[in-house]
Amino acid sequence: MDTIEFLKTTELFNCLEEQEIATIISRIKTKSVPKNTQVIMVGDTSSTLYIIKEGSVSVVAGNEEGKEIILSTLRTGDIFGELSLFDDKPRSAGIVSLENCVLLALYKPDFLELLNQSPKMALQVIKYLCQRIRFTNNITQNLVFMDVYERLKNFLYDMAIPGFDGKLVTTKPMSQIEIAAHIGSGREIISRILKELVEGGYITIEKKIITLHKKLPKGR
């Protein structure tokens, strides 16, 4: 898929005419990023918007003790780095590539000029930021009100898609450490819960891919 057709499928640019998208493409730089690359570090002062054309990345937050939690996973068509374009503050979260990625980079002066020229795009950006705020609110509520098992249960359902036999299967291999980071828990707790679910016949795990064989039990 060429870049024009790709941008037409993204939530941020699908409202624009082809000529407007062509103008954006003239300002965009393409960047290839290997797996496990730190694309953005917390505290960075760069002001670049990225669109994921191929691959996926993790949005990561951490504390001074080195503990990290994965806030979300972004995939093809998603954007990141947009907040620093507006408030000139250091990056509040890190970005790490989960696989080889192709990113489209749009720098702040070009991005702001495009917003000034296109009210439609400005409105799309506002809608996109509102969705991000709602998503962040949901994460906060889950951490505050749900125990680890409920967060793990929701995470597995979110990450799984129907397989060829109709059973839900997670879309990519994940270690217990990765799962723990995603839901804000420790590996030992995740290991114990997964073991209990395996012994109960609810799931199987093969090469870090989890298959759900029946509806997971209610809170424990």
N, C-alpha and C. Protein backbone atom coordinates (compact mmCIF):
# COMPACT_ATOMS: atom_id res chain seq x y z
N MET A 1 0.84 -1.19 0.00
CA MET A 1 0.00 0.00 0.00
C MET A 1 0.89 1.25 0.00
N ASP A 2 0.64 2.17 -0.97
CA ASP A 2 1.45 3.38 -0.98
C ASP A 2 1.03 4.30 0.16
N THR A 3 1.84 5.34 0.39
CA THR A 3 1.64 6.18 1.58
C THR A 3 0.32 6.94 1.52
N ILE A 4 -0.09 7.39 0.33
CA ILE A 4 -1.36 8.11 0.22
C ILE A 4 -2.52 7.21 0.62
N GLU A 5 -2.55 6.00 0.08
CA GLU A 5 -3.63 5.07 0.40
C GLU A 5 -3.59 4.69 1.88
N PHE A 6 -2.38 4.54 2.42
CA PHE A 6 -2.26 4.21 3.84
C PHE A 6 -2.83 5.31 4.71
N LEU A 7 -2.46 6.57 4.45
CA LEU A 7 -2.93 7.67 5.29
C LEU A 7 -4.45 7.84 5.20
N LYS A 8 -5.03 7.46 4.07
CA LYS A 8 -6.49 7.52 3.94
C LYS A 8 -7.19 6.57 4.91
N THR A 9 -6.47 5.53 5.35
CA THR A 9 -7.07 4.54 6.26
C THR A 9 -6.89 4.91 7.72
N THR A 10 -6.07 5.93 8.01
CA THR A 10 -5.79 6.28 9.40
C THR A 10 -6.85 7.21 9.96
N GLU A 11 -7.07 7.10 11.25
CA GLU A 11 -8.11 7.89 11.90
C GLU A 11 -7.82 9.38 11.83
N LEU A 12 -6.56 9.74 11.83
CA LEU A 12 -6.19 11.15 11.87
C LEU A 12 -6.35 11.84 10.51
N PHE A 13 -6.14 11.10 9.43
CA PHE A 13 -6.09 11.73 8.11
C PHE A 13 -7.19 11.28 7.16
N ASN A 14 -8.10 10.40 7.61
CA ASN A 14 -9.09 9.87 6.67
C ASN A 14 -10.15 10.89 6.25
N CYS A 15 -10.16 12.06 6.90
CA CYS A 15 -11.14 13.10 6.54
C CYS A 15 -10.63 14.01 5.44
N LEU A 16 -9.36 13.86 5.05
CA LEU A 16 -8.74 14.80 4.13
C LEU A 16 -8.88 14.37 2.67
N GLU A 17 -8.83 15.36 1.79
CA GLU A 17 -8.83 15.09 0.36
C GLU A 17 -7.43 14.61 -0.05
N GLU A 18 -7.39 13.96 -1.22
CA GLU A 18 -6.12 13.38 -1.67
C GLU A 18 -5.04 14.45 -1.84
N GLN A 19 -5.42 15.65 -2.31
CA GLN A 19 -4.44 16.71 -2.48
C GLN A 19 -3.88 17.16 -1.13
N GLU A 20 -4.74 17.20 -0.10
CA GLU A 20 -4.28 17.57 1.23
C GLU A 20 -3.32 16.52 1.78
N ILE A 21 -3.64 15.25 1.53
CA ILE A 21 -2.76 14.17 1.97
C ILE A 21 -1.42 14.24 1.24
N ALA A 22 -1.47 14.58 -0.05
CA ALA A 22 -0.23 14.71 -0.81
C ALA A 22 0.66 15.81 -0.22
N THR A 23 0.03 16.89 0.27
CA THR A 23 0.79 17.96 0.91
C THR A 23 1.46 17.45 2.18
N ILE A 24 0.74 16.63 2.95
CA ILE A 24 1.31 16.06 4.17
C ILE A 24 2.50 15.17 3.83
N ILE A 25 2.33 14.34 2.81
CA ILE A 25 3.40 13.40 2.44
C ILE A 25 4.68 14.15 2.06
N SER A 26 4.52 15.33 1.47
CA SER A 26 5.71 16.10 1.08
C SER A 26 6.50 16.57 2.30
N ARG A 27 5.87 16.56 3.48
CA ARG A 27 6.55 17.00 4.71
C ARG A 27 7.02 15.82 5.57
N ILE A 28 6.60 14.62 5.23
CA ILE A 28 6.85 13.45 6.08
C ILE A 28 8.21 12.82 5.77
N LYS A 29 8.87 12.34 6.82
CA LYS A 29 10.10 11.57 6.67
C LYS A 29 9.82 10.13 7.11
N THR A 30 10.31 9.17 6.33
CA THR A 30 10.12 7.76 6.66
C THR A 30 11.31 7.25 7.46
N LYS A 31 11.02 6.51 8.52
CA LYS A 31 12.07 6.03 9.42
C LYS A 31 11.86 4.54 9.68
N SER A 32 12.88 3.73 9.40
CA SER A 32 12.83 2.29 9.71
C SER A 32 13.47 2.06 11.07
N VAL A 33 12.77 1.30 11.92
CA VAL A 33 13.21 1.09 13.30
C VAL A 33 13.27 -0.41 13.59
N PRO A 34 14.42 -0.93 14.01
CA PRO A 34 14.51 -2.36 14.35
C PRO A 34 13.72 -2.68 15.62
N LYS A 35 13.46 -3.95 15.82
CA LYS A 35 12.79 -4.43 17.03
C LYS A 35 13.58 -4.06 18.28
N ASN A 36 12.85 -3.78 19.36
CA ASN A 36 13.43 -3.45 20.68
C ASN A 36 14.25 -2.17 20.67
N THR A 37 13.85 -1.22 19.84
CA THR A 37 14.51 0.09 19.80
C THR A 37 13.74 1.09 20.66
N GLN A 38 14.47 1.87 21.45
CA GLN A 38 13.84 2.94 22.24
C GLN A 38 13.64 4.13 21.31
N VAL A 39 12.43 4.27 20.81
CA VAL A 39 12.13 5.34 19.85
C VAL A 39 12.04 6.69 20.56
N ILE A 40 11.39 6.70 21.71
CA ILE A 40 11.25 7.90 22.53
C ILE A 40 11.57 7.53 23.97
N MET A 41 12.32 8.37 24.65
CA MET A 41 12.62 8.17 26.07
C MET A 41 11.86 9.20 26.90
N VAL A 42 11.45 8.80 28.10
CA VAL A 42 10.80 9.74 29.01
C VAL A 42 11.76 10.90 29.28
N GLY A 43 11.24 12.12 29.15
CA GLY A 43 12.07 13.30 29.38
C GLY A 43 12.67 13.89 28.12
N ASP A 44 12.56 13.17 26.98
CA ASP A 44 13.04 13.73 25.72
C ASP A 44 12.34 15.06 25.43
N THR A 45 13.02 15.94 24.74
CA THR A 45 12.43 17.24 24.40
C THR A 45 12.14 17.37 22.91
N SER A 46 12.24 16.27 22.18
CA SER A 46 11.95 16.32 20.74
C SER A 46 10.47 16.60 20.52
N SER A 47 10.14 17.15 19.36
CA SER A 47 8.75 17.50 19.05
C SER A 47 8.40 16.96 17.67
N THR A 48 8.21 15.65 17.62
CA THR A 48 7.90 14.98 16.37
C THR A 48 6.69 14.07 16.57
N LEU A 49 5.77 14.12 15.63
CA LEU A 49 4.62 13.22 15.61
C LEU A 49 4.98 12.01 14.76
N TYR A 50 4.67 10.81 15.25
CA TYR A 50 4.96 9.59 14.50
C TYR A 50 3.66 8.87 14.15
N ILE A 51 3.59 8.36 12.94
CA ILE A 51 2.49 7.50 12.50
C ILE A 51 3.08 6.13 12.20
N ILE A 52 2.49 5.08 12.76
CA ILE A 52 3.01 3.73 12.54
C ILE A 52 2.46 3.20 11.22
N LYS A 53 3.34 3.05 10.24
CA LYS A 53 2.93 2.49 8.95
C LYS A 53 3.01 0.96 8.97
N GLU A 54 4.03 0.44 9.64
CA GLU A 54 4.18 -1.01 9.79
C GLU A 54 4.73 -1.30 11.17
N GLY A 55 4.21 -2.37 11.80
CA GLY A 55 4.75 -2.81 13.09
C GLY A 55 3.91 -2.37 14.27
N SER A 56 4.49 -2.48 15.46
CA SER A 56 3.79 -2.12 16.70
C SER A 56 4.81 -1.66 17.73
N VAL A 57 4.34 -0.84 18.67
CA VAL A 57 5.21 -0.31 19.72
C VAL A 57 4.49 -0.37 21.06
N SER A 58 5.26 -0.33 22.14
CA SER A 58 4.71 -0.24 23.49
C SER A 58 4.88 1.18 24.01
N VAL A 59 3.85 1.66 24.72
CA VAL A 59 3.94 2.93 25.43
C VAL A 59 4.26 2.59 26.88
N VAL A 60 5.41 3.06 27.37
CA VAL A 60 5.94 2.61 28.65
C VAL A 60 6.13 3.78 29.60
N ALA A 61 5.72 3.59 30.85
CA ALA A 61 5.99 4.57 31.91
C ALA A 61 6.79 3.88 33.00
N GLY A 62 7.61 4.64 33.71
CA GLY A 62 8.43 4.05 34.77
C GLY A 62 8.62 5.02 35.92
N ASN A 63 9.24 4.51 36.99
CA ASN A 63 9.54 5.38 38.13
C ASN A 63 11.04 5.41 38.38
N GLU A 64 11.44 6.14 39.42
CA GLU A 64 12.87 6.31 39.70
C GLU A 64 13.54 5.01 40.11
N GLU A 65 12.76 4.02 40.56
CA GLU A 65 13.32 2.74 40.98
C GLU A 65 13.53 1.79 39.80
N GLY A 66 13.15 2.23 38.62
CA GLY A 66 13.35 1.40 37.43
C GLY A 66 12.19 0.48 37.11
N LYS A 67 11.11 0.54 37.88
CA LYS A 67 9.94 -0.29 37.59
C LYS A 67 9.17 0.31 36.43
N GLU A 68 8.70 -0.55 35.53
CA GLU A 68 7.99 -0.07 34.35
C GLU A 68 6.61 -0.72 34.24
N ILE A 69 5.69 0.02 33.64
CA ILE A 69 4.38 -0.53 33.30
C ILE A 69 4.11 -0.16 31.85
N ILE A 70 3.59 -1.11 31.08
CA ILE A 70 3.23 -0.85 29.69
C ILE A 70 1.81 -0.29 29.68
N LEU A 71 1.69 0.96 29.28
CA LEU A 71 0.39 1.63 29.31
C LEU A 71 -0.51 1.15 28.18
N SER A 72 0.07 0.90 27.01
CA SER A 72 -0.72 0.44 25.88
C SER A 72 0.20 -0.06 24.78
N THR A 73 -0.40 -0.73 23.82
CA THR A 73 0.31 -1.16 22.62
C THR A 73 -0.32 -0.46 21.43
N LEU A 74 0.52 0.18 20.61
CA LEU A 74 0.04 0.88 19.42
C LEU A 74 0.45 0.10 18.18
N ARG A 75 -0.44 0.09 17.20
CA ARG A 75 -0.21 -0.71 16.00
C ARG A 75 -0.36 0.14 14.74
N THR A 76 -0.30 -0.52 13.60
CA THR A 76 -0.38 0.15 12.30
C THR A 76 -1.56 1.12 12.26
N GLY A 77 -1.27 2.36 11.87
CA GLY A 77 -2.30 3.40 11.78
C GLY A 77 -2.39 4.28 12.99
N ASP A 78 -1.82 3.84 14.13
CA ASP A 78 -1.84 4.66 15.34
C ASP A 78 -0.77 5.73 15.28
N ILE A 79 -0.92 6.76 16.11
CA ILE A 79 0.07 7.83 16.18
C ILE A 79 0.59 7.93 17.61
N PHE A 80 1.76 8.52 17.75
CA PHE A 80 2.28 8.83 19.09
C PHE A 80 3.20 10.04 18.99
N GLY A 81 3.44 10.65 20.15
CA GLY A 81 4.30 11.82 20.20
C GLY A 81 3.58 13.13 19.97
N GLU A 82 2.23 13.08 19.94
CA GLU A 82 1.47 14.28 19.58
C GLU A 82 1.41 15.32 20.70
N LEU A 83 1.47 14.89 21.97
CA LEU A 83 1.28 15.84 23.06
C LEU A 83 2.37 16.91 23.10
N SER A 84 3.60 16.51 22.85
CA SER A 84 4.71 17.46 22.92
C SER A 84 4.65 18.51 21.83
N LEU A 85 3.84 18.27 20.80
CA LEU A 85 3.70 19.27 19.75
C LEU A 85 2.90 20.47 20.23
N PHE A 86 2.10 20.27 21.28
CA PHE A 86 1.22 21.33 21.74
C PHE A 86 1.72 22.03 23.00
N ASP A 87 2.31 21.28 23.94
CA ASP A 87 2.64 21.91 25.22
C ASP A 87 4.14 22.15 25.43
N ASP A 88 4.97 21.72 24.48
CA ASP A 88 6.43 21.93 24.57
C ASP A 88 7.04 21.34 25.84
N LYS A 89 6.38 20.35 26.42
CA LYS A 89 6.90 19.71 27.62
C LYS A 89 7.71 18.47 27.23
N PRO A 90 8.60 18.01 28.13
CA PRO A 90 9.33 16.76 27.85
C PRO A 90 8.38 15.59 27.69
N ARG A 91 8.82 14.57 26.99
CA ARG A 91 8.00 13.38 26.76
C ARG A 91 7.61 12.76 28.10
N SER A 92 6.34 12.42 28.25
CA SER A 92 5.84 11.87 29.51
C SER A 92 5.85 10.35 29.54
N ALA A 93 6.08 9.71 28.39
CA ALA A 93 6.13 8.25 28.33
C ALA A 93 7.16 7.84 27.28
N GLY A 94 7.68 6.64 27.44
CA GLY A 94 8.63 6.11 26.48
C GLY A 94 7.94 5.26 25.43
N ILE A 95 8.59 5.09 24.30
CA ILE A 95 8.08 4.26 23.21
C ILE A 95 9.16 3.26 22.83
N VAL A 96 8.80 1.96 22.82
CA VAL A 96 9.74 0.90 22.45
C VAL A 96 9.11 0.06 21.35
N SER A 97 9.87 -0.20 20.29
CA SER A 97 9.34 -1.00 19.18
C SER A 97 9.26 -2.47 19.58
N LEU A 98 8.13 -3.10 19.32
CA LEU A 98 7.93 -4.51 19.63
C LEU A 98 8.38 -5.42 18.49
N GLU A 99 8.56 -4.83 17.32
CA GLU A 99 9.00 -5.56 16.13
C GLU A 99 9.63 -4.54 15.18
N ASN A 100 10.15 -5.00 14.06
CA ASN A 100 10.66 -4.05 13.08
C ASN A 100 9.52 -3.15 12.61
N CYS A 101 9.76 -1.85 12.62
CA CYS A 101 8.69 -0.89 12.32
C CYS A 101 9.10 0.06 11.20
N VAL A 102 8.10 0.55 10.50
CA VAL A 102 8.27 1.68 9.58
C VAL A 102 7.41 2.81 10.12
N LEU A 103 8.05 3.92 10.46
CA LEU A 103 7.36 5.07 11.05
C LEU A 103 7.40 6.25 10.09
N LEU A 104 6.32 7.01 10.08
CA LEU A 104 6.27 8.26 9.33
C LEU A 104 6.39 9.40 10.33
N ALA A 105 7.41 10.23 10.17
CA ALA A 105 7.69 11.31 11.11
C ALA A 105 7.25 12.65 10.53
N LEU A 106 6.51 13.41 11.34
CA LEU A 106 6.05 14.73 10.94
C LEU A 106 6.49 15.72 12.02
N TYR A 107 7.30 16.70 11.64
CA TYR A 107 7.88 17.61 12.61
C TYR A 107 6.93 18.75 12.97
N LYS A 108 7.13 19.30 14.16
CA LYS A 108 6.19 20.26 14.73
C LYS A 108 5.85 21.44 13.81
N PRO A 109 6.81 22.16 13.23
CA PRO A 109 6.44 23.31 12.38
C PRO A 109 5.53 22.91 11.22
N ASP A 110 5.82 21.76 10.60
CA ASP A 110 5.00 21.30 9.48
C ASP A 110 3.61 20.90 9.96
N PHE A 111 3.56 20.22 11.11
CA PHE A 111 2.28 19.77 11.65
C PHE A 111 1.38 20.95 12.00
N LEU A 112 1.93 21.95 12.68
CA LEU A 112 1.12 23.11 13.08
C LEU A 112 0.67 23.91 11.86
N GLU A 113 1.51 23.98 10.84
CA GLU A 113 1.11 24.67 9.61
C GLU A 113 -0.07 23.95 8.95
N LEU A 114 -0.02 22.61 8.96
CA LEU A 114 -1.11 21.84 8.38
C LEU A 114 -2.41 22.05 9.15
N LEU A 115 -2.32 22.15 10.48
CA LEU A 115 -3.52 22.40 11.28
C LEU A 115 -4.11 23.77 10.96
N ASN A 116 -3.26 24.75 10.77
CA ASN A 116 -3.74 26.10 10.43
C ASN A 116 -4.44 26.11 9.08
N GLN A 117 -3.98 25.27 8.17
CA GLN A 117 -4.53 25.24 6.82
C GLN A 117 -5.78 24.39 6.70
N SER A 118 -5.98 23.45 7.65
CA SER A 118 -7.08 22.50 7.52
C SER A 118 -7.87 22.39 8.82
N PRO A 119 -9.00 23.11 8.93
CA PRO A 119 -9.86 22.97 10.12
C PRO A 119 -10.35 21.54 10.32
N LYS A 120 -10.55 20.80 9.21
CA LYS A 120 -11.00 19.41 9.32
C LYS A 120 -9.97 18.57 10.07
N MET A 121 -8.71 18.77 9.73
CA MET A 121 -7.67 18.00 10.40
C MET A 121 -7.54 18.42 11.85
N ALA A 122 -7.68 19.72 12.13
CA ALA A 122 -7.61 20.19 13.52
C ALA A 122 -8.70 19.53 14.36
N LEU A 123 -9.90 19.39 13.79
CA LEU A 123 -11.00 18.74 14.51
C LEU A 123 -10.70 17.26 14.74
N GLN A 124 -10.10 16.61 13.75
CA GLN A 124 -9.73 15.20 13.90
C GLN A 124 -8.71 15.02 15.02
N VAL A 125 -7.76 15.94 15.10
CA VAL A 125 -6.75 15.86 16.16
C VAL A 125 -7.41 15.99 17.53
N ILE A 126 -8.36 16.92 17.66
CA ILE A 126 -9.07 17.09 18.93
C ILE A 126 -9.81 15.81 19.30
N LYS A 127 -10.49 15.20 18.34
CA LYS A 127 -11.21 13.95 18.59
C LYS A 127 -10.24 12.85 19.02
N TYR A 128 -9.10 12.78 18.35
CA TYR A 128 -8.11 11.75 18.66
C TYR A 128 -7.58 11.93 20.08
N LEU A 129 -7.29 13.17 20.46
CA LEU A 129 -6.80 13.43 21.81
C LEU A 129 -7.86 13.10 22.86
N CYS A 130 -9.12 13.36 22.55
CA CYS A 130 -10.20 13.00 23.48
C CYS A 130 -10.26 11.49 23.69
N GLN A 131 -10.08 10.73 22.61
CA GLN A 131 -10.08 9.28 22.73
C GLN A 131 -8.92 8.81 23.60
N ARG A 132 -7.76 9.44 23.44
CA ARG A 132 -6.60 9.08 24.26
C ARG A 132 -6.88 9.36 25.74
N ILE A 133 -7.53 10.48 26.03
CA ILE A 133 -7.84 10.82 27.42
C ILE A 133 -8.80 9.78 28.01
N ARG A 134 -9.82 9.40 27.24
CA ARG A 134 -10.76 8.38 27.72
C ARG A 134 -10.04 7.06 27.97
N PHE A 135 -9.13 6.70 27.07
CA PHE A 135 -8.38 5.45 27.22
C PHE A 135 -7.54 5.50 28.49
N THR A 136 -6.88 6.63 28.73
CA THR A 136 -6.06 6.78 29.93
C THR A 136 -6.92 6.70 31.19
N ASN A 137 -8.11 7.30 31.13
CA ASN A 137 -9.03 7.22 32.27
C ASN A 137 -9.41 5.77 32.57
N ASN A 138 -9.63 4.99 31.52
CA ASN A 138 -9.98 3.57 31.71
C ASN A 138 -8.84 2.81 32.37
N ILE A 139 -7.60 3.09 31.94
CA ILE A 139 -6.45 2.44 32.55
C ILE A 139 -6.38 2.77 34.04
N THR A 140 -6.56 4.05 34.36
CA THR A 140 -6.51 4.48 35.76
C THR A 140 -7.58 3.80 36.59
N GLN A 141 -8.80 3.74 36.06
CA GLN A 141 -9.89 3.09 36.78
C GLN A 141 -9.60 1.61 37.00
N ASN A 142 -9.04 0.95 35.98
CA ASN A 142 -8.72 -0.47 36.13
C ASN A 142 -7.69 -0.70 37.24
N LEU A 143 -6.67 0.16 37.27
CA LEU A 143 -5.62 0.01 38.28
C LEU A 143 -6.16 0.27 39.69
N VAL A 144 -7.11 1.19 39.79
CA VAL A 144 -7.64 1.56 41.11
C VAL A 144 -8.68 0.57 41.60
N PHE A 145 -9.59 0.16 40.71
CA PHE A 145 -10.77 -0.58 41.16
C PHE A 145 -10.71 -2.08 40.89
N MET A 146 -9.84 -2.55 40.02
CA MET A 146 -9.79 -3.97 39.71
C MET A 146 -8.59 -4.64 40.37
N ASP A 147 -8.80 -5.88 40.82
CA ASP A 147 -7.66 -6.63 41.34
C ASP A 147 -6.86 -7.20 40.16
N VAL A 148 -5.73 -7.84 40.47
CA VAL A 148 -4.84 -8.32 39.42
C VAL A 148 -5.53 -9.32 38.51
N TYR A 149 -6.31 -10.23 39.09
CA TYR A 149 -6.97 -11.24 38.26
C TYR A 149 -7.92 -10.60 37.25
N GLU A 150 -8.72 -9.64 37.69
CA GLU A 150 -9.67 -9.00 36.78
C GLU A 150 -8.93 -8.24 35.68
N ARG A 151 -7.81 -7.60 36.03
CA ARG A 151 -7.03 -6.89 35.00
C ARG A 151 -6.43 -7.88 34.01
N LEU A 152 -5.94 -9.02 34.51
CA LEU A 152 -5.39 -10.04 33.62
C LEU A 152 -6.48 -10.60 32.71
N LYS A 153 -7.63 -10.87 33.28
CA LYS A 153 -8.76 -11.40 32.52
C LYS A 153 -9.13 -10.45 31.38
N ASN A 154 -9.28 -9.17 31.69
CA ASN A 154 -9.63 -8.18 30.66
C ASN A 154 -8.54 -8.08 29.61
N PHE A 155 -7.29 -8.14 30.06
CA PHE A 155 -6.17 -8.04 29.13
C PHE A 155 -6.16 -9.20 28.14
N LEU A 156 -6.40 -10.41 28.62
CA LEU A 156 -6.42 -11.57 27.74
C LEU A 156 -7.53 -11.46 26.71
N TYR A 157 -8.70 -11.02 27.14
CA TYR A 157 -9.80 -10.84 26.19
C TYR A 157 -9.48 -9.75 25.16
N ASP A 158 -8.83 -8.69 25.61
CA ASP A 158 -8.48 -7.59 24.70
C ASP A 158 -7.45 -8.03 23.66
N MET A 159 -6.53 -8.92 24.07
CA MET A 159 -5.43 -9.31 23.20
C MET A 159 -5.77 -10.49 22.29
N ALA A 160 -6.91 -11.14 22.53
CA ALA A 160 -7.22 -12.38 21.81
C ALA A 160 -8.19 -12.14 20.65
N ILE A 161 -8.03 -12.96 19.62
CA ILE A 161 -8.94 -12.95 18.47
C ILE A 161 -9.36 -14.40 18.20
N PRO A 162 -10.49 -14.61 17.52
CA PRO A 162 -10.91 -15.99 17.23
C PRO A 162 -9.92 -16.69 16.32
N GLY A 163 -9.54 -17.93 16.69
CA GLY A 163 -8.67 -18.74 15.86
C GLY A 163 -9.48 -19.53 14.84
N PHE A 164 -8.80 -20.41 14.10
CA PHE A 164 -9.47 -21.16 13.04
C PHE A 164 -10.55 -22.09 13.59
N ASP A 165 -10.40 -22.51 14.87
CA ASP A 165 -11.38 -23.41 15.47
C ASP A 165 -12.40 -22.65 16.33
N GLY A 166 -12.37 -21.32 16.25
CA GLY A 166 -13.32 -20.52 17.00
C GLY A 166 -12.87 -20.14 18.39
N LYS A 167 -11.80 -20.77 18.89
CA LYS A 167 -11.30 -20.43 20.21
C LYS A 167 -10.50 -19.13 20.16
N LEU A 168 -10.53 -18.38 21.26
CA LEU A 168 -9.79 -17.13 21.31
C LEU A 168 -8.30 -17.40 21.53
N VAL A 169 -7.47 -16.70 20.75
CA VAL A 169 -6.02 -16.89 20.81
C VAL A 169 -5.36 -15.52 20.85
N THR A 170 -4.40 -15.34 21.75
CA THR A 170 -3.70 -14.05 21.81
C THR A 170 -2.93 -13.82 20.51
N THR A 171 -2.83 -12.56 20.12
CA THR A 171 -2.33 -12.24 18.78
C THR A 171 -0.82 -12.27 18.66
N LYS A 172 -0.10 -12.28 19.78
CA LYS A 172 1.36 -12.35 19.70
C LYS A 172 1.91 -13.00 20.96
N PRO A 173 3.08 -13.64 20.86
CA PRO A 173 3.67 -14.26 22.05
C PRO A 173 4.06 -13.22 23.08
N MET A 174 3.78 -13.51 24.35
CA MET A 174 4.11 -12.59 25.44
C MET A 174 4.64 -13.37 26.63
N SER A 175 5.74 -12.90 27.18
CA SER A 175 6.28 -13.51 28.39
C SER A 175 5.46 -13.06 29.59
N GLN A 176 5.63 -13.77 30.70
CA GLN A 176 4.94 -13.38 31.93
C GLN A 176 5.38 -11.99 32.39
N ILE A 177 6.63 -11.65 32.16
CA ILE A 177 7.12 -10.32 32.53
C ILE A 177 6.41 -9.24 31.71
N GLU A 178 6.22 -9.50 30.41
CA GLU A 178 5.52 -8.53 29.55
C GLU A 178 4.07 -8.37 29.98
N ILE A 179 3.41 -9.49 30.29
CA ILE A 179 2.01 -9.41 30.73
C ILE A 179 1.91 -8.62 32.03
N ALA A 180 2.82 -8.90 32.96
CA ALA A 180 2.82 -8.20 34.24
C ALA A 180 3.00 -6.70 34.05
N ALA A 181 3.90 -6.32 33.13
CA ALA A 181 4.14 -4.90 32.87
C ALA A 181 2.91 -4.23 32.27
N HIS A 182 2.19 -4.96 31.43
CA HIS A 182 1.00 -4.41 30.79
C HIS A 182 -0.09 -4.08 31.81
N ILE A 183 -0.24 -4.92 32.83
CA ILE A 183 -1.38 -4.73 33.74
C ILE A 183 -0.97 -4.20 35.10
N GLY A 184 0.30 -3.85 35.26
CA GLY A 184 0.74 -3.25 36.51
C GLY A 184 0.80 -4.21 37.67
N SER A 185 1.46 -5.36 37.46
CA SER A 185 1.56 -6.36 38.51
C SER A 185 2.97 -6.94 38.50
N GLY A 186 3.18 -7.98 39.32
CA GLY A 186 4.47 -8.66 39.37
C GLY A 186 4.42 -9.99 38.64
N ARG A 187 5.57 -10.45 38.16
CA ARG A 187 5.62 -11.70 37.39
C ARG A 187 5.17 -12.89 38.22
N GLU A 188 5.52 -12.91 39.51
CA GLU A 188 5.18 -14.06 40.35
C GLU A 188 3.66 -14.24 40.46
N ILE A 189 2.94 -13.13 40.61
CA ILE A 189 1.48 -13.21 40.72
C ILE A 189 0.88 -13.70 39.40
N ILE A 190 1.38 -13.16 38.28
CA ILE A 190 0.88 -13.56 36.97
C ILE A 190 1.15 -15.04 36.73
N SER A 191 2.33 -15.50 37.11
CA SER A 191 2.69 -16.91 36.93
C SER A 191 1.73 -17.81 37.70
N ARG A 192 1.40 -17.43 38.92
CA ARG A 192 0.50 -18.25 39.74
C ARG A 192 -0.90 -18.30 39.15
N ILE A 193 -1.42 -17.15 38.71
CA ILE A 193 -2.77 -17.11 38.16
C ILE A 193 -2.85 -17.91 36.86
N LEU A 194 -1.86 -17.74 35.99
CA LEU A 194 -1.86 -18.49 34.72
C LEU A 194 -1.79 -19.99 34.98
N LYS A 195 -0.99 -20.39 35.96
CA LYS A 195 -0.88 -21.81 36.30
C LYS A 195 -2.23 -22.36 36.74
N GLU A 196 -2.95 -21.60 37.56
CA GLU A 196 -4.27 -22.04 38.02
C GLU A 196 -5.26 -22.14 36.86
N LEU A 197 -5.18 -21.20 35.91
CA LEU A 197 -6.08 -21.23 34.76
C LEU A 197 -5.77 -22.42 33.85
N VAL A 198 -4.49 -22.75 33.72
CA VAL A 198 -4.10 -23.93 32.94
C VAL A 198 -4.61 -25.20 33.61
N GLU A 199 -4.40 -25.30 34.92
CA GLU A 199 -4.84 -26.49 35.65
C GLU A 199 -6.36 -26.64 35.64
N GLY A 200 -7.07 -25.53 35.54
CA GLY A 200 -8.53 -25.57 35.49
C GLY A 200 -9.08 -25.82 34.10
N GLY A 201 -8.18 -25.94 33.11
CA GLY A 201 -8.62 -26.21 31.74
C GLY A 201 -9.15 -24.99 31.01
N TYR A 202 -8.94 -23.80 31.58
CA TYR A 202 -9.44 -22.59 30.95
C TYR A 202 -8.55 -22.13 29.80
N ILE A 203 -7.25 -22.32 29.95
CA ILE A 203 -6.31 -21.86 28.93
C ILE A 203 -5.21 -22.91 28.72
N THR A 204 -4.56 -22.80 27.57
CA THR A 204 -3.29 -23.50 27.35
C THR A 204 -2.28 -22.46 26.87
N ILE A 205 -1.02 -22.72 27.13
CA ILE A 205 0.04 -21.80 26.72
C ILE A 205 1.07 -22.59 25.94
N GLU A 206 1.33 -22.16 24.71
CA GLU A 206 2.33 -22.83 23.88
C GLU A 206 3.15 -21.77 23.16
N LYS A 207 4.45 -21.80 23.40
CA LYS A 207 5.37 -20.82 22.81
C LYS A 207 4.91 -19.39 23.10
N LYS A 208 4.44 -19.19 24.34
CA LYS A 208 4.02 -17.88 24.85
C LYS A 208 2.73 -17.36 24.21
N ILE A 209 2.06 -18.20 23.42
CA ILE A 209 0.74 -17.87 22.87
C ILE A 209 -0.31 -18.52 23.76
N ILE A 210 -1.32 -17.75 24.17
CA ILE A 210 -2.34 -18.24 25.09
C ILE A 210 -3.64 -18.50 24.33
N THR A 211 -4.18 -19.70 24.48
CA THR A 211 -5.47 -20.06 23.89
C THR A 211 -6.50 -20.19 25.00
N LEU A 212 -7.63 -19.51 24.83
CA LEU A 212 -8.72 -19.57 25.81
C LEU A 212 -9.72 -20.63 25.35
N HIS A 213 -9.88 -21.69 26.16
CA HIS A 213 -10.73 -22.81 25.77
C HIS A 213 -12.17 -22.65 26.24
N LYS A 214 -12.37 -21.85 27.26
CA LYS A 214 -13.72 -21.59 27.74
C LYS A 214 -13.72 -20.27 28.49
N LYS A 215 -14.91 -19.80 28.79
CA LYS A 215 -15.04 -18.50 29.46
C LYS A 215 -14.29 -18.51 30.78
N LEU A 216 -13.50 -17.47 30.99
CA LEU A 216 -12.71 -17.40 32.21
C LEU A 216 -13.63 -17.18 33.41
N PRO A 217 -13.26 -17.76 34.56
CA PRO A 217 -14.14 -17.64 35.75
C PRO A 217 -14.22 -16.21 36.26
N LYS A 218 -15.24 -15.96 37.05
CA LYS A 218 -15.41 -14.64 37.65
C LYS A 218 -14.33 -14.40 38.69
N GLY A 219 -14.34 -13.18 39.24
CA GLY A 219 -13.32 -12.79 40.21
C GLY A 219 -13.07 -13.83 41.27
N ARG A 220 -11.80 -13.94 41.66
CA ARG A 220 -11.40 -15.01 42.55
C ARG A 220 -11.20 -14.47 43.96
